[in-house]
């Protein structure tokens, strides 16, 4: 006897879309256009540094690119979670 789920299980790879935020230019771009602008606006440009956890790197990259261009002394500090060593490669 076949269950409707059996058919889905057989074809799950045909029905699945895998997102890869870390490998799409839109990841960094959205943080350039939104997150960086929000930080800049909320601090009236008086931001000296941002500390951000690293996942895909999109947030810190987009934010740093925009703010550093406006304020060369700006620093972006990346924090790598011990359970997700994307920088140190553990």
C-alpha atoms as a PDB file:
ATOM      1  CA  UNK A   1       0.000   0.000   0.000  1.00  0.00           C
ATOM      2  CA  UNK A   2       1.387   3.383  -0.986  1.00  0.00           C
ATOM      3  CA  UNK A   3       1.023   6.437   1.118  1.00  0.00           C
ATOM      4  CA  UNK A   4       0.956   9.910  -0.560  1.00  0.00           C
ATOM      5  CA  UNK A   5       4.087  10.759   1.428  1.00  0.00           C
ATOM      6  CA  UNK A   6       5.980   7.900  -0.229  1.00  0.00           C
ATOM      7  CA  UNK A   7       5.728   9.675  -3.564  1.00  0.00           C
ATOM      8  CA  UNK A   8       6.906  12.942  -2.030  1.00  0.00           C
ATOM      9  CA  UNK A   9       9.860  11.214  -0.408  1.00  0.00           C
ATOM     10  CA  UNK A  10      10.847   9.681  -3.749  1.00  0.00           C
ATOM     11  CA  UNK A  11      10.819  13.048  -5.485  1.00  0.00           C
ATOM     12  CA  UNK A  12      11.971  15.317  -2.659  1.00  0.00           C
ATOM     13  CA  UNK A  13      15.146  16.348  -4.500  1.00  0.00           C
ATOM     14  CA  UNK A  14      13.074  17.417  -7.505  1.00  0.00           C
ATOM     15  CA  UNK A  15      10.821  19.501  -5.264  1.00  0.00           C
ATOM     16  CA  UNK A  16      13.516  21.173  -3.173  1.00  0.00           C
ATOM     17  CA  UNK A  17      15.123  24.558  -3.681  1.00  0.00           C
ATOM     18  CA  UNK A  18      18.250  25.223  -1.665  1.00  0.00           C
ATOM     19  CA  UNK A  19      19.021  28.813  -0.784  1.00  0.00           C
ATOM     20  CA  UNK A  20      22.641  29.856  -0.591  1.00  0.00           C
ATOM     21  CA  UNK A  21      22.686  33.287   1.013  1.00  0.00           C
ATOM     22  CA  UNK A  22      26.431  33.176   1.424  1.00  0.00           C
ATOM     23  CA  UNK A  23      27.064  32.868  -2.290  1.00  0.00           C
ATOM     24  CA  UNK A  24      24.725  35.472  -3.682  1.00  0.00           C
ATOM     25  CA  UNK A  25      25.649  39.126  -4.283  1.00  0.00           C
ATOM     26  CA  UNK A  26      22.185  40.126  -3.029  1.00  0.00           C
ATOM     27  CA  UNK A  27      23.218  39.087   0.494  1.00  0.00           C
ATOM     28  CA  UNK A  28      25.852  41.824   0.798  1.00  0.00           C
ATOM     29  CA  UNK A  29      23.907  44.298  -1.342  1.00  0.00           C
ATOM     30  CA  UNK A  30      20.835  44.317   0.897  1.00  0.00           C
ATOM     31  CA  UNK A  31      23.021  45.216   3.890  1.00  0.00           C
ATOM     32  CA  UNK A  32      24.659  48.012   1.880  1.00  0.00           C
ATOM     33  CA  UNK A  33      21.257  49.418   0.998  1.00  0.00           C
ATOM     34  CA  UNK A  34      19.436  48.925   4.296  1.00  0.00           C
ATOM     35  CA  UNK A  35      21.477  47.975   7.356  1.00  0.00           C
ATOM     36  CA  UNK A  36      24.365  50.356   6.676  1.00  0.00           C
ATOM     37  CA  UNK A  37      22.005  53.214   5.865  1.00  0.00           C
ATOM     38  CA  UNK A  38      19.996  52.579   9.027  1.00  0.00           C
ATOM     39  CA  UNK A  39      23.117  52.577  11.200  1.00  0.00           C
ATOM     40  CA  UNK A  40      24.423  55.733   9.516  1.00  0.00           C
ATOM     41  CA  UNK A  41      21.082  57.513   9.889  1.00  0.00           C
ATOM     42  CA  UNK A  42      20.410  56.407  13.471  1.00  0.00           C
ATOM     43  CA  UNK A  43      23.846  57.595  14.616  1.00  0.00           C
ATOM     44  CA  UNK A  44      23.881  60.771  12.496  1.00  0.00           C
ATOM     45  CA  UNK A  45      27.137  59.471  11.040  1.00  0.00           C
ATOM     46  CA  UNK A  46      28.743  59.342  14.476  1.00  0.00           C
ATOM     47  CA  UNK A  47      29.401  55.600  14.361  1.00  0.00           C
ATOM     48  CA  UNK A  48      32.979  54.552  15.128  1.00  0.00           C
ATOM     49  CA  UNK A  49      32.679  50.788  15.062  1.00  0.00           C
ATOM     50  CA  UNK A  50      30.316  47.876  14.522  1.00  0.00           C
ATOM     51  CA  UNK A  51      30.750  44.475  16.142  1.00  0.00           C
ATOM     52  CA  UNK A  52      28.896  41.693  14.355  1.00  0.00           C
ATOM     53  CA  UNK A  53      28.697  37.937  14.539  1.00  0.00           C
ATOM     54  CA  UNK A  54      29.774  36.139  11.380  1.00  0.00           C
ATOM     55  CA  UNK A  55      27.402  33.839   9.575  1.00  0.00           C
ATOM     56  CA  UNK A  56      27.496  34.389   5.847  1.00  0.00           C
ATOM     57  CA  UNK A  57      29.496  37.607   6.269  1.00  0.00           C
ATOM     58  CA  UNK A  58      26.884  39.601   4.380  1.00  0.00           C
ATOM     59  CA  UNK A  59      25.963  41.948   7.207  1.00  0.00           C
ATOM     60  CA  UNK A  60      29.445  43.002   8.229  1.00  0.00           C
ATOM     61  CA  UNK A  61      30.685  43.222   4.634  1.00  0.00           C
ATOM     62  CA  UNK A  62      27.818  45.379   3.400  1.00  0.00           C
ATOM     63  CA  UNK A  63      27.850  47.629   6.457  1.00  0.00           C
ATOM     64  CA  UNK A  64      31.629  48.043   6.471  1.00  0.00           C
ATOM     65  CA  UNK A  65      31.862  48.887   2.769  1.00  0.00           C
ATOM     66  CA  UNK A  66      29.336  51.712   2.986  1.00  0.00           C
ATOM     67  CA  UNK A  67      30.355  53.255   6.279  1.00  0.00           C
ATOM     68  CA  UNK A  68      34.118  52.938   5.689  1.00  0.00           C
ATOM     69  CA  UNK A  69      33.687  54.846   2.400  1.00  0.00           C
ATOM     70  CA  UNK A  70      32.050  57.701   4.316  1.00  0.00           C
ATOM     71  CA  UNK A  71      34.209  57.555   7.426  1.00  0.00           C
ATOM     72  CA  UNK A  72      37.689  56.057   6.847  1.00  0.00           C
ATOM     73  CA  UNK A  73      38.368  55.709  10.594  1.00  0.00           C
ATOM     74  CA  UNK A  74      35.374  53.355  10.973  1.00  0.00           C
ATOM     75  CA  UNK A  75      36.175  49.820  12.167  1.00  0.00           C
ATOM     76  CA  UNK A  76      34.204  46.613  11.655  1.00  0.00           C
ATOM     77  CA  UNK A  77      34.902  43.845  14.167  1.00  0.00           C
ATOM     78  CA  UNK A  78      33.897  40.287  13.253  1.00  0.00           C
ATOM     79  CA  UNK A  79      33.032  37.816  16.007  1.00  0.00           C
ATOM     80  CA  UNK A  80      33.192  34.155  15.069  1.00  0.00           C
ATOM     81  CA  UNK A  81      30.841  31.857  16.985  1.00  0.00           C
ATOM     82  CA  UNK A  82      32.710  28.884  18.491  1.00  0.00           C
ATOM     83  CA  UNK A  83      30.042  26.540  17.149  1.00  0.00           C
ATOM     84  CA  UNK A  84      30.377  27.904  13.598  1.00  0.00           C
ATOM     85  CA  UNK A  85      34.048  28.540  12.791  1.00  0.00           C
ATOM     86  CA  UNK A  86      33.569  29.966   9.297  1.00  0.00           C
ATOM     87  CA  UNK A  87      36.711  32.107   9.457  1.00  0.00           C
ATOM     88  CA  UNK A  88      39.142  29.812  11.239  1.00  0.00           C
ATOM     89  CA  UNK A  89      37.900  26.786   9.300  1.00  0.00           C
ATOM     90  CA  UNK A  90      37.336  24.465  12.237  1.00  0.00           C
END
